[in-house]
Amino acid sequence: MAILIVHQGADWNQDLYDQLMERVIPDPSNPPDGLIAHFGGPGQTGGWRVTDIWESQGQWARFRDETLIPVAQEIQAPPFDSDIGELHNKIVTERVSV
């Protein structure tokens, strides 16, 4: 079952996010196994927010434990909160430009 994860980091910013992403997903055309979609941007009340869709909880946990957390610790990144739940529906278009 696919899962939806919303991460929020009050002490995160674009520079820190970019630094982490360069290390954990250096080639966006070759995402980690199980990652369906990833979106990152400033939070409405400050900080940084990331939303991910993963094929399964196990694939997310493997990426988190083997890649994300070790890199976050290496760069001394501040903590972030994560809200994880089952994905009920998705609509994806190609109209988003970054």
PDB file of N, CA and C in Angstrom:
ATOM      1  N   MET A   1       0.830  -1.178   0.000  1.00  0.00           N
ATOM      2  CA  MET A   1       0.000   0.000   0.000  1.00  0.00           C
ATOM      3  C   MET A   1       0.876   1.242   0.000  1.00  0.00           C
ATOM      4  N   ALA A   2       0.588   2.171  -0.887  1.00  0.00           N
ATOM      5  CA  ALA A   2       1.352   3.418  -0.976  1.00  0.00           C
ATOM      6  C   ALA A   2       1.100   4.275   0.259  1.00  0.00           C
ATOM      7  N   ILE A   3       2.133   5.034   0.641  1.00  0.00           N
ATOM      8  CA  ILE A   3       2.014   5.919   1.791  1.00  0.00           C
ATOM      9  C   ILE A   3       2.330   7.352   1.389  1.00  0.00           C
ATOM     10  N   LEU A   4       1.738   8.281   2.125  1.00  0.00           N
ATOM     11  CA  LEU A   4       1.953   9.708   1.948  1.00  0.00           C
ATOM     12  C   LEU A   4       2.639  10.215   3.209  1.00  0.00           C
ATOM     13  N   ILE A   5       3.726  10.941   3.034  1.00  0.00           N
ATOM     14  CA  ILE A   5       4.483  11.454   4.179  1.00  0.00           C
ATOM     15  C   ILE A   5       4.642  12.963   4.007  1.00  0.00           C
ATOM     16  N   VAL A   6       4.323  13.704   5.062  1.00  0.00           N
ATOM     17  CA  VAL A   6       4.561  15.140   5.076  1.00  0.00           C
ATOM     18  C   VAL A   6       5.582  15.413   6.174  1.00  0.00           C
ATOM     19  N   HIS A   7       6.722  15.944   5.781  1.00  0.00           N
ATOM     20  CA  HIS A   7       7.794  16.304   6.712  1.00  0.00           C
ATOM     21  C   HIS A   7       7.768  17.817   6.892  1.00  0.00           C
ATOM     22  N   GLN A   8       7.943  18.271   8.118  1.00  0.00           N
ATOM     23  CA  GLN A   8       8.005  19.710   8.381  1.00  0.00           C
ATOM     24  C   GLN A   8       9.183  19.964   9.303  1.00  0.00           C
ATOM     25  N   GLY A   9      10.049  20.882   8.901  1.00  0.00           N
ATOM     26  CA  GLY A   9      11.208  21.241   9.718  1.00  0.00           C
ATOM     27  C   GLY A   9      11.237  22.736   9.958  1.00  0.00           C
ATOM     28  N   ALA A  10      10.967  23.153  11.177  1.00  0.00           N
ATOM     29  CA  ALA A  10      10.906  24.581  11.508  1.00  0.00           C
ATOM     30  C   ALA A  10      12.250  25.270  11.300  1.00  0.00           C
ATOM     31  N   ASP A  11      13.345  24.556  11.521  1.00  0.00           N
ATOM     32  CA  ASP A  11      14.679  25.147  11.398  1.00  0.00           C
ATOM     33  C   ASP A  11      15.348  24.832  10.063  1.00  0.00           C
ATOM     34  N   TRP A  12      14.584  24.325   9.106  1.00  0.00           N
ATOM     35  CA  TRP A  12      15.106  24.012   7.778  1.00  0.00           C
ATOM     36  C   TRP A  12      14.897  25.195   6.849  1.00  0.00           C
ATOM     37  N   ASN A  13      15.710  25.259   5.785  1.00  0.00           N
ATOM     38  CA  ASN A  13      15.574  26.287   4.758  1.00  0.00           C
ATOM     39  C   ASN A  13      15.987  25.677   3.419  1.00  0.00           C
ATOM     40  N   GLN A  14      15.897  26.453   2.365  1.00  0.00           N
ATOM     41  CA  GLN A  14      16.199  25.929   1.039  1.00  0.00           C
ATOM     42  C   GLN A  14      17.645  25.475   0.917  1.00  0.00           C
ATOM     43  N   ASP A  15      18.575  26.215   1.471  1.00  0.00           N
ATOM     44  CA  ASP A  15      19.988  25.830   1.356  1.00  0.00           C
ATOM     45  C   ASP A  15      20.253  24.486   2.021  1.00  0.00           C
ATOM     46  N   LEU A  16      19.717  24.293   3.208  1.00  0.00           N
ATOM     47  CA  LEU A  16      19.910  23.025   3.920  1.00  0.00           C
ATOM     48  C   LEU A  16      19.237  21.876   3.176  1.00  0.00           C
ATOM     49  N   TYR A  17      18.013  22.117   2.703  1.00  0.00           N
ATOM     50  CA  TYR A  17      17.289  21.114   1.920  1.00  0.00           C
ATOM     51  C   TYR A  17      18.090  20.724   0.673  1.00  0.00           C
ATOM     52  N   ASP A  18      18.586  21.730  -0.068  1.00  0.00           N
ATOM     53  CA  ASP A  18      19.353  21.450  -1.288  1.00  0.00           C
ATOM     54  C   ASP A  18      20.624  20.664  -0.978  1.00  0.00           C
ATOM     55  N   GLN A  19      21.283  21.020   0.103  1.00  0.00           N
ATOM     56  CA  GLN A  19      22.501  20.309   0.503  1.00  0.00           C
ATOM     57  C   GLN A  19      22.194  18.840   0.797  1.00  0.00           C
ATOM     58  N   LEU A  20      21.111  18.581   1.494  1.00  0.00           N
ATOM     59  CA  LEU A  20      20.722  17.200   1.799  1.00  0.00           C
ATOM     60  C   LEU A  20      20.340  16.449   0.530  1.00  0.00           C
ATOM     61  N   MET A  21      19.533  17.070  -0.319  1.00  0.00           N
ATOM     62  CA  MET A  21      19.059  16.397  -1.530  1.00  0.00           C
ATOM     63  C   MET A  21      20.204  16.041  -2.469  1.00  0.00           C
ATOM     64  N   GLU A  22      21.217  16.894  -2.554  1.00  0.00           N
ATOM     65  CA  GLU A  22      22.373  16.591  -3.408  1.00  0.00           C
ATOM     66  C   GLU A  22      23.064  15.305  -2.979  1.00  0.00           C
ATOM     67  N   ARG A  23      22.942  14.973  -1.711  1.00  0.00           N
ATOM     68  CA  ARG A  23      23.609  13.778  -1.189  1.00  0.00           C
ATOM     69  C   ARG A  23      22.702  12.548  -1.184  1.00  0.00           C
ATOM     70  N   VAL A  24      21.408  12.728  -0.920  1.00  0.00           N
ATOM     71  CA  VAL A  24      20.539  11.558  -0.789  1.00  0.00           C
ATOM     72  C   VAL A  24      19.895  11.135  -2.109  1.00  0.00           C
ATOM     73  N   ILE A  25      19.664  12.093  -3.004  1.00  0.00           N
ATOM     74  CA  ILE A  25      19.143  11.775  -4.343  1.00  0.00           C
ATOM     75  C   ILE A  25      19.929  12.622  -5.338  1.00  0.00           C
ATOM     76  N   PRO A  26      21.174  12.250  -5.592  1.00  0.00           N
ATOM     77  CA  PRO A  26      22.022  13.066  -6.462  1.00  0.00           C
ATOM     78  C   PRO A  26      21.537  13.133  -7.908  1.00  0.00           C
ATOM     79  N   ASP A  27      20.810  12.123  -8.358  1.00  0.00           N
ATOM     80  CA  ASP A  27      20.301  12.091  -9.725  1.00  0.00           C
ATOM     81  C   ASP A  27      18.785  11.911  -9.677  1.00  0.00           C
ATOM     82  N   PRO A  28      18.016  12.998  -9.755  1.00  0.00           N
ATOM     83  CA  PRO A  28      16.559  12.894  -9.673  1.00  0.00           C
ATOM     84  C   PRO A  28      15.941  11.999 -10.745  1.00  0.00           C
ATOM     85  N   SER A  29      16.659  11.775 -11.844  1.00  0.00           N
ATOM     86  CA  SER A  29      16.127  10.873 -12.870  1.00  0.00           C
ATOM     87  C   SER A  29      16.274   9.413 -12.470  1.00  0.00           C
ATOM     88  N   ASN A  30      16.965   9.156 -11.360  1.00  0.00           N
ATOM     89  CA  ASN A  30      17.144   7.801 -10.849  1.00  0.00           C
ATOM     90  C   ASN A  30      16.805   7.796  -9.342  1.00  0.00           C
ATOM     91  N   PRO A  31      15.512   7.944  -9.010  1.00  0.00           N
ATOM     92  CA  PRO A  31      15.128   8.043  -7.601  1.00  0.00           C
ATOM     93  C   PRO A  31      15.316   6.724  -6.856  1.00  0.00           C
ATOM     94  N   PRO A  32      15.329   6.774  -5.539  1.00  0.00           N
ATOM     95  CA  PRO A  32      15.467   5.552  -4.754  1.00  0.00           C
ATOM     96  C   PRO A  32      14.306   4.590  -5.020  1.00  0.00           C
ATOM     97  N   ASP A  33      14.580   3.323  -4.831  1.00  0.00           N
ATOM     98  CA  ASP A  33      13.568   2.287  -5.018  1.00  0.00           C
ATOM     99  C   ASP A  33      12.347   2.583  -4.156  1.00  0.00           C
ATOM    100  N   GLY A  34      11.192   2.681  -4.792  1.00  0.00           N
ATOM    101  CA  GLY A  34       9.942   2.870  -4.072  1.00  0.00           C
ATOM    102  C   GLY A  34       9.445   4.299  -4.017  1.00  0.00           C
ATOM    103  N   LEU A  35      10.275   5.272  -4.357  1.00  0.00           N
ATOM    104  CA  LEU A  35       9.827   6.663  -4.323  1.00  0.00           C
ATOM    105  C   LEU A  35       8.978   6.950  -5.555  1.00  0.00           C
ATOM    106  N   ILE A  36       7.743   7.358  -5.332  1.00  0.00           N
ATOM    107  CA  ILE A  36       6.825   7.677  -6.424  1.00  0.00           C
ATOM    108  C   ILE A  36       6.880   9.159  -6.752  1.00  0.00           C
ATOM    109  N   ALA A  37       6.863  10.009  -5.726  1.00  0.00           N
ATOM    110  CA  ALA A  37       6.865  11.458  -5.946  1.00  0.00           C
ATOM    111  C   ALA A  37       7.501  12.153  -4.754  1.00  0.00           C
ATOM    112  N   HIS A  38       8.108  13.303  -5.017  1.00  0.00           N
ATOM    113  CA  HIS A  38       8.757  14.106  -3.975  1.00  0.00           C
ATOM    114  C   HIS A  38       8.547  15.574  -4.306  1.00  0.00           C
ATOM    115  N   PHE A  39       8.115  16.344  -3.312  1.00  0.00           N
ATOM    116  CA  PHE A  39       7.895  17.772  -3.473  1.00  0.00           C
ATOM    117  C   PHE A  39       8.488  18.486  -2.275  1.00  0.00           C
ATOM    118  N   GLY A  40       9.215  19.572  -2.492  1.00  0.00           N
ATOM    119  CA  GLY A  40       9.790  20.334  -1.389  1.00  0.00           C
ATOM    120  C   GLY A  40       9.599  21.816  -1.598  1.00  0.00           C
ATOM    121  N   GLY A  41       9.314  22.540  -0.512  1.00  0.00           N
ATOM    122  CA  GLY A  41       9.151  23.985  -0.605  1.00  0.00           C
ATOM    123  C   GLY A  41       9.009  24.595   0.779  1.00  0.00           C
ATOM    124  N   PRO A  42       9.028  25.925   0.832  1.00  0.00           N
ATOM    125  CA  PRO A  42       8.918  26.593   2.124  1.00  0.00           C
ATOM    126  C   PRO A  42       7.568  26.304   2.775  1.00  0.00           C
ATOM    127  N   GLY A  43       7.592  26.186   4.101  1.00  0.00           N
ATOM    128  CA  GLY A  43       6.361  25.998   4.851  1.00  0.00           C
ATOM    129  C   GLY A  43       5.592  27.302   4.951  1.00  0.00           C
ATOM    130  N   GLN A  44       4.315  27.206   5.152  1.00  0.00           N
ATOM    131  CA  GLN A  44       3.461  28.385   5.206  1.00  0.00           C
ATOM    132  C   GLN A  44       3.813  29.294   6.386  1.00  0.00           C
ATOM    133  N   THR A  45       4.283  28.700   7.489  1.00  0.00           N
ATOM    134  CA  THR A  45       4.630  29.490   8.670  1.00  0.00           C
ATOM    135  C   THR A  45       6.131  29.522   8.899  1.00  0.00           C
ATOM    136  N   GLY A  46       6.911  29.300   7.846  1.00  0.00           N
ATOM    137  CA  GLY A  46       8.361  29.285   7.960  1.00  0.00           C
ATOM    138  C   GLY A  46       8.889  27.867   7.910  1.00  0.00           C
ATOM    139  N   GLY A  47      10.182  27.754   7.946  1.00  0.00           N
ATOM    140  CA  GLY A  47      10.795  26.430   7.854  1.00  0.00           C
ATOM    141  C   GLY A  47      10.647  25.851   6.460  1.00  0.00           C
ATOM    142  N   TRP A  48      10.676  24.539   6.388  1.00  0.00           N
ATOM    143  CA  TRP A  48      10.633  23.837   5.100  1.00  0.00           C
ATOM    144  C   TRP A  48       9.703  22.647   5.198  1.00  0.00           C
ATOM    145  N   ARG A  49       8.967  22.373   4.130  1.00  0.00           N
ATOM    146  CA  ARG A  49       8.029  21.248   4.105  1.00  0.00           C
ATOM    147  C   ARG A  49       8.333  20.368   2.900  1.00  0.00           C
ATOM    148  N   VAL A  50       8.295  19.063   3.113  1.00  0.00           N
ATOM    149  CA  VAL A  50       8.514  18.076   2.055  1.00  0.00           C
ATOM    150  C   VAL A  50       7.366  17.086   2.092  1.00  0.00           C
ATOM    151  N   THR A  51       6.840  16.756   0.918  1.00  0.00           N
ATOM    152  CA  THR A  51       5.804  15.741   0.809  1.00  0.00           C
ATOM    153  C   THR A  51       6.313  14.649  -0.121  1.00  0.00           C
ATOM    154  N   ASP A  52       6.234  13.415   0.351  1.00  0.00           N
ATOM    155  CA  ASP A  52       6.676  12.256  -0.424  1.00  0.00           C
ATOM    156  C   ASP A  52       5.539  11.265  -0.570  1.00  0.00           C
ATOM    157  N   ILE A  53       5.563  10.521  -1.663  1.00  0.00           N
ATOM    158  CA  ILE A  53       4.712   9.353  -1.834  1.00  0.00           C
ATOM    159  C   ILE A  53       5.639   8.182  -2.111  1.00  0.00           C
ATOM    160  N   TRP A  54       5.503   7.148  -1.301  1.00  0.00           N
ATOM    161  CA  TRP A  54       6.316   5.940  -1.422  1.00  0.00           C
ATOM    162  C   TRP A  54       5.415   4.743  -1.696  1.00  0.00           C
ATOM    163  N   GLU A  55       5.946   3.757  -2.416  1.00  0.00           N
ATOM    164  CA  GLU A  55       5.177   2.550  -2.722  1.00  0.00           C
ATOM    165  C   GLU A  55       4.803   1.773  -1.471  1.00  0.00           C
ATOM    166  N   SER A  56       5.665   1.806  -0.443  1.00  0.00           N
ATOM    167  CA  SER A  56       5.377   1.051   0.776  1.00  0.00           C
ATOM    168  C   SER A  56       6.108   1.653   1.971  1.00  0.00           C
ATOM    169  N   GLN A  57       5.615   1.329   3.143  1.00  0.00           N
ATOM    170  CA  GLN A  57       6.256   1.751   4.393  1.00  0.00           C
ATOM    171  C   GLN A  57       7.665   1.167   4.489  1.00  0.00           C
ATOM    172  N   GLY A  58       7.843  -0.074   4.045  1.00  0.00           N
ATOM    173  CA  GLY A  58       9.155  -0.714   4.102  1.00  0.00           C
ATOM    174  C   GLY A  58      10.197  -0.020   3.246  1.00  0.00           C
ATOM    175  N   GLN A  59       9.815   0.389   2.047  1.00  0.00           N
ATOM    176  CA  GLN A  59      10.769   1.089   1.171  1.00  0.00           C
ATOM    177  C   GLN A  59      11.140   2.444   1.754  1.00  0.00           C
ATOM    178  N   TRP A  60      10.165   3.141   2.319  1.00  0.00           N
ATOM    179  CA  TRP A  60      10.458   4.418   2.978  1.00  0.00           C
ATOM    180  C   TRP A  60      11.398   4.198   4.156  1.00  0.00           C
ATOM    181  N   ALA A  61      11.103   3.205   4.993  1.00  0.00           N
ATOM    182  CA  ALA A  61      11.918   2.947   6.184  1.00  0.00           C
ATOM    183  C   ALA A  61      13.356   2.605   5.799  1.00  0.00           C
ATOM    184  N   ARG A  62      13.536   1.828   4.745  1.00  0.00           N
ATOM    185  CA  ARG A  62      14.879   1.469   4.295  1.00  0.00           C
ATOM    186  C   ARG A  62      15.647   2.722   3.837  1.00  0.00           C
ATOM    187  N   PHE A  63      15.011   3.569   3.030  1.00  0.00           N
ATOM    188  CA  PHE A  63      15.649   4.805   2.582  1.00  0.00           C
ATOM    189  C   PHE A  63      15.960   5.715   3.775  1.00  0.00           C
ATOM    190  N   ARG A  64      15.004   5.849   4.673  1.00  0.00           N
ATOM    191  CA  ARG A  64      15.189   6.698   5.855  1.00  0.00           C
ATOM    192  C   ARG A  64      16.376   6.231   6.680  1.00  0.00           C
ATOM    193  N   ASP A  65      16.410   4.942   6.993  1.00  0.00           N
ATOM    194  CA  ASP A  65      17.423   4.403   7.892  1.00  0.00           C
ATOM    195  C   ASP A  65      18.806   4.274   7.250  1.00  0.00           C
ATOM    196  N   GLU A  66      18.848   3.904   5.967  1.00  0.00           N
ATOM    197  CA  GLU A  66      20.131   3.648   5.311  1.00  0.00           C
ATOM    198  C   GLU A  66      20.724   4.872   4.617  1.00  0.00           C
ATOM    199  N   THR A  67      19.892   5.844   4.280  1.00  0.00           N
ATOM    200  CA  THR A  67      20.383   6.983   3.495  1.00  0.00           C
ATOM    201  C   THR A  67      20.087   8.319   4.170  1.00  0.00           C
ATOM    202  N   LEU A  68      18.828   8.613   4.403  1.00  0.00           N
ATOM    203  CA  LEU A  68      18.433   9.943   4.872  1.00  0.00           C
ATOM    204  C   LEU A  68      19.008  10.293   6.237  1.00  0.00           C
ATOM    205  N   ILE A  69      18.799   9.462   7.222  1.00  0.00           N
ATOM    206  CA  ILE A  69      19.260   9.788   8.580  1.00  0.00           C
ATOM    207  C   ILE A  69      20.780   9.872   8.658  1.00  0.00           C
ATOM    208  N   PRO A  70      21.536   8.919   8.085  1.00  0.00           N
ATOM    209  CA  PRO A  70      22.994   9.071   8.147  1.00  0.00           C
ATOM    210  C   PRO A  70      23.502  10.372   7.520  1.00  0.00           C
ATOM    211  N   VAL A  71      22.939  10.778   6.379  1.00  0.00           N
ATOM    212  CA  VAL A  71      23.377  12.020   5.743  1.00  0.00           C
ATOM    213  C   VAL A  71      22.952  13.220   6.585  1.00  0.00           C
ATOM    214  N   ALA A  72      21.738  13.216   7.093  1.00  0.00           N
ATOM    215  CA  ALA A  72      21.273  14.321   7.942  1.00  0.00           C
ATOM    216  C   ALA A  72      22.173  14.478   9.165  1.00  0.00           C
ATOM    217  N   GLN A  73      22.601  13.363   9.741  1.00  0.00           N
ATOM    218  CA  GLN A  73      23.507  13.421  10.890  1.00  0.00           C
ATOM    219  C   GLN A  73      24.875  13.965  10.483  1.00  0.00           C
ATOM    220  N   GLU A  74      25.372  13.556   9.317  1.00  0.00           N
ATOM    221  CA  GLU A  74      26.676  14.028   8.846  1.00  0.00           C
ATOM    222  C   GLU A  74      26.698  15.544   8.646  1.00  0.00           C
ATOM    223  N   ILE A  75      25.616  16.097   8.127  1.00  0.00           N
ATOM    224  CA  ILE A  75      25.596  17.539   7.884  1.00  0.00           C
ATOM    225  C   ILE A  75      25.017  18.305   9.078  1.00  0.00           C
ATOM    226  N   GLN A  76      24.756  17.591  10.157  1.00  0.00           N
ATOM    227  CA  GLN A  76      24.232  18.170  11.401  1.00  0.00           C
ATOM    228  C   GLN A  76      22.940  18.944  11.155  1.00  0.00           C
ATOM    229  N   ALA A  77      22.047  18.324  10.418  1.00  0.00           N
ATOM    230  CA  ALA A  77      20.758  18.942  10.104  1.00  0.00           C
ATOM    231  C   ALA A  77      19.852  18.936  11.332  1.00  0.00           C
ATOM    232  N   PRO A  78      19.019  19.958  11.471  1.00  0.00           N
ATOM    233  CA  PRO A  78      18.076  19.984  12.584  1.00  0.00           C
ATOM    234  C   PRO A  78      16.993  18.923  12.392  1.00  0.00           C
ATOM    235  N   PRO A  79      16.293  18.578  13.451  1.00  0.00           N
ATOM    236  CA  PRO A  79      15.238  17.561  13.341  1.00  0.00           C
ATOM    237  C   PRO A  79      14.048  18.071  12.523  1.00  0.00           C
ATOM    238  N   PHE A  80      13.221  17.128  12.091  1.00  0.00           N
ATOM    239  CA  PHE A  80      11.980  17.459  11.404  1.00  0.00           C
ATOM    240  C   PHE A  80      10.912  16.493  11.881  1.00  0.00           C
ATOM    241  N   ASP A  81       9.674  16.904  11.791  1.00  0.00           N
ATOM    242  CA  ASP A  81       8.538  16.060  12.153  1.00  0.00           C
ATOM    243  C   ASP A  81       7.972  15.436  10.892  1.00  0.00           C
ATOM    244  N   SER A  82       7.481  14.203  11.023  1.00  0.00           N
ATOM    245  CA  SER A  82       6.899  13.503   9.877  1.00  0.00           C
ATOM    246  C   SER A  82       5.521  12.973  10.237  1.00  0.00           C
ATOM    247  N   ASP A  83       4.580  13.192   9.339  1.00  0.00           N
ATOM    248  CA  ASP A  83       3.228  12.661   9.469  1.00  0.00           C
ATOM    249  C   ASP A  83       3.054  11.649   8.342  1.00  0.00           C
ATOM    250  N   ILE A  84       2.818  10.382   8.699  1.00  0.00           N
ATOM    251  CA  ILE A  84       2.766   9.300   7.724  1.00  0.00           C
ATOM    252  C   ILE A  84       1.389   8.652   7.742  1.00  0.00           C
ATOM    253  N   GLY A  85       0.839   8.436   6.568  1.00  0.00           N
ATOM    254  CA  GLY A  85      -0.446   7.753   6.463  1.00  0.00           C
ATOM    255  C   GLY A  85      -0.589   7.063   5.123  1.00  0.00           C
ATOM    256  N   GLU A  86      -1.625   6.257   5.010  1.00  0.00           N
ATOM    257  CA  GLU A  86      -1.887   5.573   3.752  1.00  0.00           C
ATOM    258  C   GLU A  86      -2.358   6.577   2.705  1.00  0.00           C
ATOM    259  N   LEU A  87      -1.965   6.346   1.482  1.00  0.00           N
ATOM    260  CA  LEU A  87      -2.405   7.186   0.376  1.00  0.00           C
ATOM    261  C   LEU A  87      -3.744   6.661  -0.116  1.00  0.00           C
ATOM    262  N   HIS A  88      -4.724   7.538  -0.186  1.00  0.00           N
ATOM    263  CA  HIS A  88      -6.061   7.150  -0.645  1.00  0.00           C
ATOM    264  C   HIS A  88      -6.256   7.450  -2.130  1.00  0.00           C
ATOM    265  N   ASN A  89      -5.727   8.577  -2.594  1.00  0.00           N
ATOM    266  CA  ASN A  89      -5.960   9.002  -3.970  1.00  0.00           C
ATOM    267  C   ASN A  89      -4.803   9.880  -4.432  1.00  0.00           C
ATOM    268  N   LYS A  90      -4.610   9.955  -5.735  1.00  0.00           N
ATOM    269  CA  LYS A  90      -3.604  10.872  -6.289  1.00  0.00           C
ATOM    270  C   LYS A  90      -4.064  11.343  -7.651  1.00  0.00           C
ATOM    271  N   ILE A  91      -3.741  12.577  -7.937  1.00  0.00           N
ATOM    272  CA  ILE A  91      -3.937  13.157  -9.266  1.00  0.00           C
ATOM    273  C   ILE A  91      -2.621  13.858  -9.588  1.00  0.00           C
ATOM    274  N   VAL A  92      -2.001  13.488 -10.687  1.00  0.00           N
ATOM    275  CA  VAL A  92      -0.704  14.046 -11.048  1.00  0.00           C
ATOM    276  C   VAL A  92      -0.795  14.587 -12.468  1.00  0.00           C
ATOM    277  N   THR A  93      -0.330  15.826 -12.620  1.00  0.00           N
ATOM    278  CA  THR A  93      -0.291  16.418 -13.957  1.00  0.00           C
ATOM    279  C   THR A  93       1.144  16.847 -14.236  1.00  0.00           C
ATOM    280  N   GLU A  94       1.425  17.214 -15.429  1.00  0.00           N
ATOM    281  CA  GLU A  94       2.758  17.672 -15.819  1.00  0.00           C
ATOM    282  C   GLU A  94       2.823  19.196 -15.850  1.00  0.00           C
ATOM    283  N   ARG A  95       1.831  19.886 -15.306  1.00  0.00           N
ATOM    284  CA  ARG A  95       1.751  21.338 -15.423  1.00  0.00           C
ATOM    285  C   ARG A  95       2.593  22.083 -14.417  1.00  0.00           C
ATOM    286  N   VAL A  96       3.183  21.407 -13.481  1.00  0.00           N
ATOM    287  CA  VAL A  96       4.002  22.077 -12.455  1.00  0.00           C
ATOM    288  C   VAL A  96       5.367  22.377 -13.034  1.00  0.00           C
ATOM    289  N   SER A  97       5.815  23.620 -12.886  1.00  0.00           N
ATOM    290  CA  SER A  97       7.156  23.964 -13.330  1.00  0.00           C
ATOM    291  C   SER A  97       7.969  24.444 -12.134  1.00  0.00           C
ATOM    292  N   VAL A  98       9.227  24.091 -12.113  1.00  0.00           N
ATOM    293  CA  VAL A  98      10.117  24.505 -11.024  1.00  0.00           C
ATOM    294  C   VAL A  98      11.365  25.123 -11.587  1.00  0.00           C
TER     295      VAL A  98
END
